[in-house]
N, C-alpha and C. Protein backbone atom coordinates (compact mmCIF):
# COMPACT_ATOMS: atom_id res chain seq x y z
N MET A 1 -68.68 -88.92 -13.75
CA MET A 1 -67.93 -89.09 -14.98
C MET A 1 -68.89 -89.08 -16.15
N GLY A 2 -68.40 -88.57 -17.28
CA GLY A 2 -69.20 -88.55 -18.49
C GLY A 2 -69.06 -89.85 -19.25
N ALA A 3 -69.47 -89.83 -20.50
CA ALA A 3 -69.37 -91.00 -21.36
C ALA A 3 -67.93 -91.44 -21.49
N CYS A 4 -67.71 -92.71 -21.63
CA CYS A 4 -66.37 -93.30 -21.80
C CYS A 4 -65.47 -93.04 -20.60
N GLY A 5 -66.05 -92.76 -19.42
CA GLY A 5 -65.25 -92.55 -18.23
C GLY A 5 -64.53 -91.22 -18.22
N GLN A 6 -64.92 -90.29 -19.05
CA GLN A 6 -64.24 -89.00 -19.09
C GLN A 6 -64.87 -88.03 -18.11
N ALA A 7 -64.10 -87.06 -17.69
CA ALA A 7 -64.60 -86.06 -16.75
C ALA A 7 -65.63 -85.18 -17.45
N PRO A 8 -66.62 -84.69 -16.72
CA PRO A 8 -67.61 -83.79 -17.32
C PRO A 8 -66.91 -82.60 -17.96
N GLY A 9 -67.35 -82.21 -19.13
CA GLY A 9 -66.77 -81.07 -19.82
C GLY A 9 -65.58 -81.42 -20.69
N PHE A 10 -65.04 -82.61 -20.57
CA PHE A 10 -63.90 -83.02 -21.39
C PHE A 10 -64.41 -83.88 -22.53
N VAL A 11 -64.08 -83.50 -23.74
CA VAL A 11 -64.54 -84.25 -24.90
C VAL A 11 -63.32 -84.85 -25.59
N LEU A 12 -63.36 -86.13 -25.79
CA LEU A 12 -62.26 -86.78 -26.49
C LEU A 12 -62.23 -86.32 -27.94
N PRO A 13 -61.04 -86.16 -28.53
CA PRO A 13 -60.95 -85.72 -29.92
C PRO A 13 -61.75 -86.60 -30.88
N SER A 14 -61.80 -87.90 -30.64
CA SER A 14 -62.55 -88.78 -31.53
C SER A 14 -64.03 -88.43 -31.53
N ALA A 15 -64.53 -87.93 -30.42
CA ALA A 15 -65.93 -87.51 -30.36
C ALA A 15 -66.13 -86.21 -31.12
N ASP A 16 -65.12 -85.37 -31.15
CA ASP A 16 -65.21 -84.09 -31.87
C ASP A 16 -65.42 -84.26 -33.36
N VAL A 17 -64.84 -85.28 -33.95
CA VAL A 17 -64.93 -85.42 -35.40
C VAL A 17 -66.33 -85.74 -35.88
N LYS A 18 -67.23 -86.08 -34.99
CA LYS A 18 -68.62 -86.31 -35.39
C LYS A 18 -69.27 -85.01 -35.83
N ASP A 19 -68.74 -83.87 -35.41
CA ASP A 19 -69.23 -82.56 -35.81
C ASP A 19 -68.18 -81.93 -36.71
N PRO A 20 -68.38 -81.98 -38.04
CA PRO A 20 -67.36 -81.47 -38.95
C PRO A 20 -67.10 -79.98 -38.82
N ALA A 21 -67.98 -79.24 -38.17
CA ALA A 21 -67.80 -77.80 -38.03
C ALA A 21 -66.99 -77.43 -36.78
N HIS A 22 -66.55 -78.42 -36.01
CA HIS A 22 -65.92 -78.10 -34.72
C HIS A 22 -64.60 -77.36 -34.84
N ILE A 23 -63.91 -77.45 -35.96
CA ILE A 23 -62.64 -76.74 -36.09
C ILE A 23 -62.55 -75.95 -37.39
N LEU A 24 -63.66 -75.45 -37.87
CA LEU A 24 -63.64 -74.65 -39.09
C LEU A 24 -62.99 -73.29 -38.83
N GLU A 25 -62.09 -72.92 -39.70
CA GLU A 25 -61.43 -71.61 -39.61
C GLU A 25 -62.49 -70.52 -39.52
N GLY A 26 -62.29 -69.60 -38.59
CA GLY A 26 -63.22 -68.49 -38.43
C GLY A 26 -64.34 -68.73 -37.44
N THR A 27 -64.50 -69.95 -36.95
CA THR A 27 -65.53 -70.20 -35.95
C THR A 27 -64.96 -69.89 -34.57
N PRO A 28 -65.82 -69.58 -33.61
CA PRO A 28 -65.32 -69.23 -32.27
C PRO A 28 -64.41 -70.29 -31.66
N ALA A 29 -64.65 -71.55 -31.95
CA ALA A 29 -63.84 -72.62 -31.36
C ALA A 29 -62.38 -72.58 -31.80
N THR A 30 -62.09 -71.91 -32.90
CA THR A 30 -60.71 -71.87 -33.40
C THR A 30 -60.00 -70.56 -33.09
N GLU A 31 -60.68 -69.63 -32.48
CA GLU A 31 -60.08 -68.31 -32.25
C GLU A 31 -59.33 -68.26 -30.92
N VAL A 32 -58.22 -67.56 -30.94
CA VAL A 32 -57.45 -67.32 -29.72
C VAL A 32 -58.15 -66.19 -28.96
N LEU A 33 -58.28 -66.36 -27.66
CA LEU A 33 -58.88 -65.31 -26.84
C LEU A 33 -58.05 -64.04 -26.96
N PRO A 34 -58.65 -62.93 -27.31
CA PRO A 34 -57.90 -61.68 -27.52
C PRO A 34 -57.03 -61.29 -26.33
N GLU A 35 -57.49 -61.56 -25.11
CA GLU A 35 -56.71 -61.18 -23.94
C GLU A 35 -55.44 -62.00 -23.77
N LEU A 36 -55.29 -63.08 -24.55
CA LEU A 36 -54.07 -63.88 -24.49
C LEU A 36 -52.99 -63.36 -25.43
N LEU A 37 -53.36 -62.53 -26.38
CA LEU A 37 -52.41 -62.02 -27.37
C LEU A 37 -51.92 -60.64 -26.97
N GLY A 38 -50.63 -60.45 -27.10
CA GLY A 38 -50.04 -59.15 -26.81
C GLY A 38 -49.48 -58.54 -28.07
N PRO A 39 -49.08 -57.28 -28.01
CA PRO A 39 -48.48 -56.63 -29.17
C PRO A 39 -47.23 -57.40 -29.62
N GLY A 40 -47.13 -57.68 -30.87
CA GLY A 40 -45.98 -58.38 -31.41
C GLY A 40 -46.05 -59.90 -31.31
N ASP A 41 -47.09 -60.44 -30.68
CA ASP A 41 -47.23 -61.89 -30.61
C ASP A 41 -47.48 -62.46 -31.99
N LEU A 42 -46.90 -63.62 -32.25
CA LEU A 42 -47.12 -64.33 -33.50
C LEU A 42 -48.08 -65.47 -33.25
N GLU A 43 -48.84 -65.82 -34.26
CA GLU A 43 -49.81 -66.90 -34.15
C GLU A 43 -49.52 -67.92 -35.25
N SER A 44 -49.52 -69.19 -34.88
CA SER A 44 -49.32 -70.27 -35.85
C SER A 44 -50.53 -71.19 -35.74
N ARG A 45 -51.27 -71.33 -36.81
CA ARG A 45 -52.48 -72.15 -36.78
C ARG A 45 -52.20 -73.54 -37.35
N ARG A 46 -52.86 -74.53 -36.76
CA ARG A 46 -52.79 -75.88 -37.29
C ARG A 46 -54.20 -76.36 -37.57
N HIS A 47 -54.31 -77.27 -38.49
CA HIS A 47 -55.63 -77.73 -38.92
C HIS A 47 -55.87 -79.21 -38.65
N HIS A 48 -54.90 -79.88 -38.08
CA HIS A 48 -55.05 -81.31 -37.76
C HIS A 48 -53.98 -81.71 -36.77
N GLY A 49 -54.19 -82.82 -36.11
CA GLY A 49 -53.19 -83.40 -35.23
C GLY A 49 -53.11 -82.73 -33.87
N PHE A 50 -52.15 -83.21 -33.07
CA PHE A 50 -51.99 -82.73 -31.70
C PHE A 50 -50.76 -81.87 -31.51
N SER A 51 -49.93 -81.74 -32.53
CA SER A 51 -48.71 -80.97 -32.38
C SER A 51 -48.78 -79.69 -33.19
N PRO A 52 -48.29 -78.60 -32.61
CA PRO A 52 -48.29 -77.34 -33.36
C PRO A 52 -47.22 -77.30 -34.45
N PHE A 53 -46.36 -78.30 -34.52
CA PHE A 53 -45.29 -78.31 -35.51
C PHE A 53 -45.71 -78.97 -36.83
N THR A 54 -46.41 -80.09 -36.76
CA THR A 54 -46.75 -80.84 -37.97
C THR A 54 -47.70 -80.06 -38.86
N GLY A 55 -47.30 -79.89 -40.12
CA GLY A 55 -48.16 -79.24 -41.10
C GLY A 55 -48.29 -77.74 -40.94
N THR A 56 -47.39 -77.13 -40.15
CA THR A 56 -47.42 -75.68 -39.97
C THR A 56 -46.04 -75.10 -40.26
N SER A 57 -45.96 -73.80 -40.23
CA SER A 57 -44.68 -73.12 -40.42
C SER A 57 -44.01 -72.78 -39.09
N LEU A 58 -44.47 -73.36 -38.00
CA LEU A 58 -43.95 -73.00 -36.69
C LEU A 58 -42.44 -73.22 -36.57
N ASP A 59 -41.95 -74.38 -36.97
CA ASP A 59 -40.52 -74.66 -36.85
C ASP A 59 -39.71 -73.63 -37.65
N MET A 60 -40.11 -73.35 -38.87
CA MET A 60 -39.41 -72.39 -39.71
C MET A 60 -39.45 -70.99 -39.08
N THR A 61 -40.58 -70.61 -38.54
CA THR A 61 -40.72 -69.30 -37.90
C THR A 61 -39.80 -69.20 -36.69
N LEU A 62 -39.82 -70.22 -35.83
CA LEU A 62 -38.97 -70.20 -34.64
C LEU A 62 -37.50 -70.14 -35.00
N ARG A 63 -37.10 -70.94 -35.98
CA ARG A 63 -35.69 -70.95 -36.40
C ARG A 63 -35.28 -69.60 -36.97
N SER A 64 -36.17 -68.97 -37.75
CA SER A 64 -35.83 -67.67 -38.34
C SER A 64 -35.69 -66.59 -37.26
N LEU A 65 -36.33 -66.79 -36.12
CA LEU A 65 -36.21 -65.86 -35.00
C LEU A 65 -35.06 -66.21 -34.06
N GLY A 66 -34.36 -67.31 -34.35
CA GLY A 66 -33.23 -67.73 -33.52
C GLY A 66 -33.64 -68.43 -32.23
N VAL A 67 -34.86 -68.94 -32.17
CA VAL A 67 -35.37 -69.62 -30.98
C VAL A 67 -34.74 -71.01 -30.88
N SER A 68 -34.26 -71.35 -29.69
CA SER A 68 -33.69 -72.68 -29.48
C SER A 68 -34.39 -73.44 -28.36
N ALA A 69 -35.31 -72.77 -27.67
CA ALA A 69 -36.03 -73.41 -26.56
C ALA A 69 -37.51 -73.03 -26.63
N VAL A 70 -38.37 -73.96 -26.24
CA VAL A 70 -39.80 -73.70 -26.19
C VAL A 70 -40.33 -74.02 -24.80
N VAL A 71 -41.40 -73.34 -24.44
CA VAL A 71 -42.05 -73.54 -23.15
C VAL A 71 -43.45 -74.05 -23.43
N ALA A 72 -43.80 -75.17 -22.82
CA ALA A 72 -45.12 -75.77 -23.02
C ALA A 72 -45.94 -75.62 -21.75
N LEU A 73 -47.21 -75.23 -21.93
CA LEU A 73 -48.14 -75.14 -20.82
C LEU A 73 -49.54 -75.22 -21.36
N GLY A 74 -50.49 -75.48 -20.51
CA GLY A 74 -51.89 -75.54 -20.92
C GLY A 74 -52.46 -76.94 -20.79
N VAL A 75 -53.48 -77.17 -21.59
CA VAL A 75 -54.20 -78.43 -21.56
C VAL A 75 -53.86 -79.17 -22.84
N SER A 76 -53.57 -80.40 -22.85
CA SER A 76 -53.66 -81.24 -21.68
C SER A 76 -52.46 -82.14 -21.59
N LEU A 77 -52.19 -82.59 -20.39
CA LEU A 77 -51.11 -83.56 -20.20
C LEU A 77 -51.46 -84.91 -20.80
N ASP A 78 -52.71 -85.11 -21.15
CA ASP A 78 -53.13 -86.36 -21.77
C ASP A 78 -52.58 -86.47 -23.19
N LEU A 79 -52.66 -85.39 -23.97
CA LEU A 79 -52.19 -85.40 -25.36
C LEU A 79 -51.52 -84.09 -25.77
N GLY A 80 -52.07 -82.98 -25.34
CA GLY A 80 -51.66 -81.67 -25.83
C GLY A 80 -50.28 -81.21 -25.43
N ILE A 81 -49.70 -81.74 -24.39
CA ILE A 81 -48.36 -81.37 -23.97
C ILE A 81 -47.32 -82.40 -24.43
N PRO A 82 -47.53 -83.70 -24.24
CA PRO A 82 -46.50 -84.66 -24.67
C PRO A 82 -46.21 -84.64 -26.17
N GLY A 83 -47.23 -84.48 -27.00
CA GLY A 83 -47.00 -84.47 -28.46
C GLY A 83 -46.06 -83.37 -28.90
N PRO A 84 -46.36 -82.11 -28.60
CA PRO A 84 -45.45 -81.04 -28.99
C PRO A 84 -44.09 -81.13 -28.30
N ALA A 85 -44.06 -81.59 -27.05
CA ALA A 85 -42.77 -81.71 -26.36
C ALA A 85 -41.88 -82.70 -27.09
N LEU A 86 -42.43 -83.86 -27.45
CA LEU A 86 -41.65 -84.86 -28.17
C LEU A 86 -41.20 -84.34 -29.53
N GLU A 87 -42.11 -83.71 -30.25
CA GLU A 87 -41.74 -83.20 -31.58
C GLU A 87 -40.70 -82.09 -31.48
N ALA A 88 -40.82 -81.22 -30.49
CA ALA A 88 -39.83 -80.15 -30.32
C ALA A 88 -38.46 -80.74 -30.03
N VAL A 89 -38.40 -81.74 -29.16
CA VAL A 89 -37.13 -82.40 -28.88
C VAL A 89 -36.58 -83.03 -30.16
N ASN A 90 -37.43 -83.70 -30.92
CA ASN A 90 -36.99 -84.31 -32.18
C ASN A 90 -36.43 -83.27 -33.16
N LEU A 91 -36.94 -82.05 -33.09
CA LEU A 91 -36.47 -80.98 -33.98
C LEU A 91 -35.26 -80.24 -33.41
N GLY A 92 -34.82 -80.63 -32.21
CA GLY A 92 -33.62 -80.05 -31.64
C GLY A 92 -33.82 -78.90 -30.67
N TYR A 93 -35.04 -78.64 -30.27
CA TYR A 93 -35.30 -77.57 -29.30
C TYR A 93 -35.13 -78.10 -27.88
N ARG A 94 -34.74 -77.21 -26.98
CA ARG A 94 -34.82 -77.51 -25.55
C ARG A 94 -36.25 -77.22 -25.15
N VAL A 95 -36.82 -78.07 -24.32
CA VAL A 95 -38.23 -77.93 -23.95
C VAL A 95 -38.35 -77.78 -22.44
N ASN A 96 -39.20 -76.86 -22.03
CA ASN A 96 -39.50 -76.66 -20.63
C ASN A 96 -41.01 -76.75 -20.47
N VAL A 97 -41.48 -77.59 -19.56
CA VAL A 97 -42.91 -77.72 -19.27
C VAL A 97 -43.17 -77.09 -17.91
N VAL A 98 -44.13 -76.18 -17.88
CA VAL A 98 -44.45 -75.44 -16.66
C VAL A 98 -45.44 -76.28 -15.85
N THR A 99 -44.96 -76.90 -14.80
CA THR A 99 -45.72 -77.93 -14.08
C THR A 99 -46.98 -77.42 -13.39
N ASP A 100 -47.00 -76.16 -12.98
CA ASP A 100 -48.20 -75.64 -12.34
C ASP A 100 -49.08 -74.86 -13.31
N ALA A 101 -48.83 -75.01 -14.60
CA ALA A 101 -49.64 -74.36 -15.63
C ALA A 101 -50.08 -75.37 -16.69
N VAL A 102 -50.18 -76.64 -16.28
CA VAL A 102 -50.67 -77.71 -17.15
C VAL A 102 -51.74 -78.48 -16.39
N ALA A 103 -52.57 -79.18 -17.14
CA ALA A 103 -53.64 -79.96 -16.51
C ALA A 103 -53.89 -81.21 -17.33
N GLY A 104 -54.50 -82.18 -16.70
CA GLY A 104 -54.88 -83.41 -17.37
C GLY A 104 -56.09 -84.01 -16.68
N VAL A 105 -56.70 -84.95 -17.38
CA VAL A 105 -57.86 -85.63 -16.81
C VAL A 105 -57.33 -86.67 -15.82
N ARG A 106 -57.84 -86.61 -14.63
CA ARG A 106 -57.39 -87.41 -13.49
C ARG A 106 -56.01 -86.95 -13.04
N GLU A 107 -55.98 -86.37 -11.90
CA GLU A 107 -54.75 -85.81 -11.33
C GLU A 107 -53.62 -86.85 -11.23
N GLU A 108 -53.95 -88.09 -10.86
CA GLU A 108 -52.91 -89.12 -10.72
C GLU A 108 -52.24 -89.39 -12.07
N TYR A 109 -53.03 -89.43 -13.13
CA TYR A 109 -52.47 -89.67 -14.46
C TYR A 109 -51.61 -88.49 -14.90
N ALA A 110 -52.11 -87.27 -14.66
CA ALA A 110 -51.35 -86.07 -15.04
C ALA A 110 -49.99 -86.06 -14.34
N GLN A 111 -49.97 -86.39 -13.07
CA GLN A 111 -48.71 -86.42 -12.33
C GLN A 111 -47.78 -87.51 -12.87
N ALA A 112 -48.34 -88.64 -13.26
CA ALA A 112 -47.52 -89.72 -13.84
C ALA A 112 -46.93 -89.29 -15.18
N VAL A 113 -47.70 -88.60 -15.99
CA VAL A 113 -47.18 -88.10 -17.28
C VAL A 113 -46.04 -87.13 -17.02
N LEU A 114 -46.23 -86.21 -16.08
CA LEU A 114 -45.15 -85.27 -15.75
C LEU A 114 -43.89 -85.99 -15.31
N ARG A 115 -44.07 -87.00 -14.48
CA ARG A 115 -42.91 -87.71 -13.94
C ARG A 115 -42.24 -88.63 -14.97
N TYR A 116 -43.04 -89.48 -15.61
CA TYR A 116 -42.46 -90.55 -16.43
C TYR A 116 -42.29 -90.23 -17.90
N THR A 117 -43.06 -89.32 -18.44
CA THR A 117 -42.93 -88.98 -19.85
C THR A 117 -42.24 -87.64 -20.01
N ILE A 118 -42.83 -86.60 -19.46
CA ILE A 118 -42.25 -85.26 -19.59
C ILE A 118 -40.87 -85.22 -18.94
N GLY A 119 -40.70 -85.93 -17.83
CA GLY A 119 -39.41 -85.95 -17.16
C GLY A 119 -38.28 -86.46 -18.03
N LEU A 120 -38.59 -87.29 -19.02
CA LEU A 120 -37.58 -87.80 -19.95
C LEU A 120 -37.35 -86.85 -21.12
N LEU A 121 -38.31 -85.99 -21.41
CA LEU A 121 -38.25 -85.13 -22.59
C LEU A 121 -37.84 -83.70 -22.30
N ALA A 122 -38.22 -83.20 -21.13
CA ALA A 122 -38.15 -81.76 -20.91
C ALA A 122 -37.70 -81.43 -19.50
N THR A 123 -37.33 -80.19 -19.33
CA THR A 123 -37.10 -79.64 -18.00
C THR A 123 -38.47 -79.30 -17.43
N ARG A 124 -38.69 -79.65 -16.18
CA ARG A 124 -39.95 -79.33 -15.52
C ARG A 124 -39.68 -78.20 -14.54
N THR A 125 -40.52 -77.18 -14.60
CA THR A 125 -40.33 -76.03 -13.73
C THR A 125 -41.67 -75.42 -13.37
N ALA A 126 -41.69 -74.66 -12.30
CA ALA A 126 -42.90 -73.95 -11.87
C ALA A 126 -42.90 -72.55 -12.49
N THR A 127 -44.08 -71.95 -12.56
CA THR A 127 -44.23 -70.62 -13.14
C THR A 127 -43.29 -69.62 -12.49
N ALA A 128 -43.24 -69.60 -11.17
CA ALA A 128 -42.41 -68.63 -10.46
C ALA A 128 -40.93 -68.77 -10.84
N GLU A 129 -40.46 -70.00 -10.99
CA GLU A 129 -39.07 -70.23 -11.38
C GLU A 129 -38.81 -69.71 -12.79
N LEU A 130 -39.75 -69.93 -13.68
CA LEU A 130 -39.60 -69.47 -15.06
C LEU A 130 -39.57 -67.94 -15.12
N ILE A 131 -40.49 -67.31 -14.42
CA ILE A 131 -40.54 -65.84 -14.38
C ILE A 131 -39.23 -65.28 -13.81
N LYS A 132 -38.74 -65.91 -12.75
CA LYS A 132 -37.48 -65.47 -12.14
C LYS A 132 -36.33 -65.58 -13.14
N ALA A 133 -36.28 -66.66 -13.90
CA ALA A 133 -35.22 -66.85 -14.89
C ALA A 133 -35.30 -65.83 -16.02
N TRP A 134 -36.52 -65.40 -16.35
CA TRP A 134 -36.71 -64.44 -17.44
C TRP A 134 -36.48 -62.99 -17.04
N THR A 135 -36.49 -62.73 -15.72
CA THR A 135 -36.35 -61.32 -15.29
C THR A 135 -34.95 -61.02 -14.79
């Protein structure tokens, strides 16, 4: 384990603020990997917080496109998934969290978040189920 009991390679956000350049627009740390973007994909940038909705135009963009449901996946179940899931629910979206496409520090905690927090906010589904529903 690293400092503060964290897993190696995982840096707590509070530790990040010691380096003011860690989230400067235009630095590699803020760029989306090109292979993740497809033709016609939209990008919404945020400059603070854990939710992609607060302080951005994401809600307005989604509503203008007629979106009523969002899919959450990625890192982390510690903060990065519950925050946006809760805010999306508060804004009236249906939320789906892809259970095999999320991760958290300590597997037991991640599973507890999926069960006790995400289970109250969102539909939980596996990638294969989501792909099947979309095709």
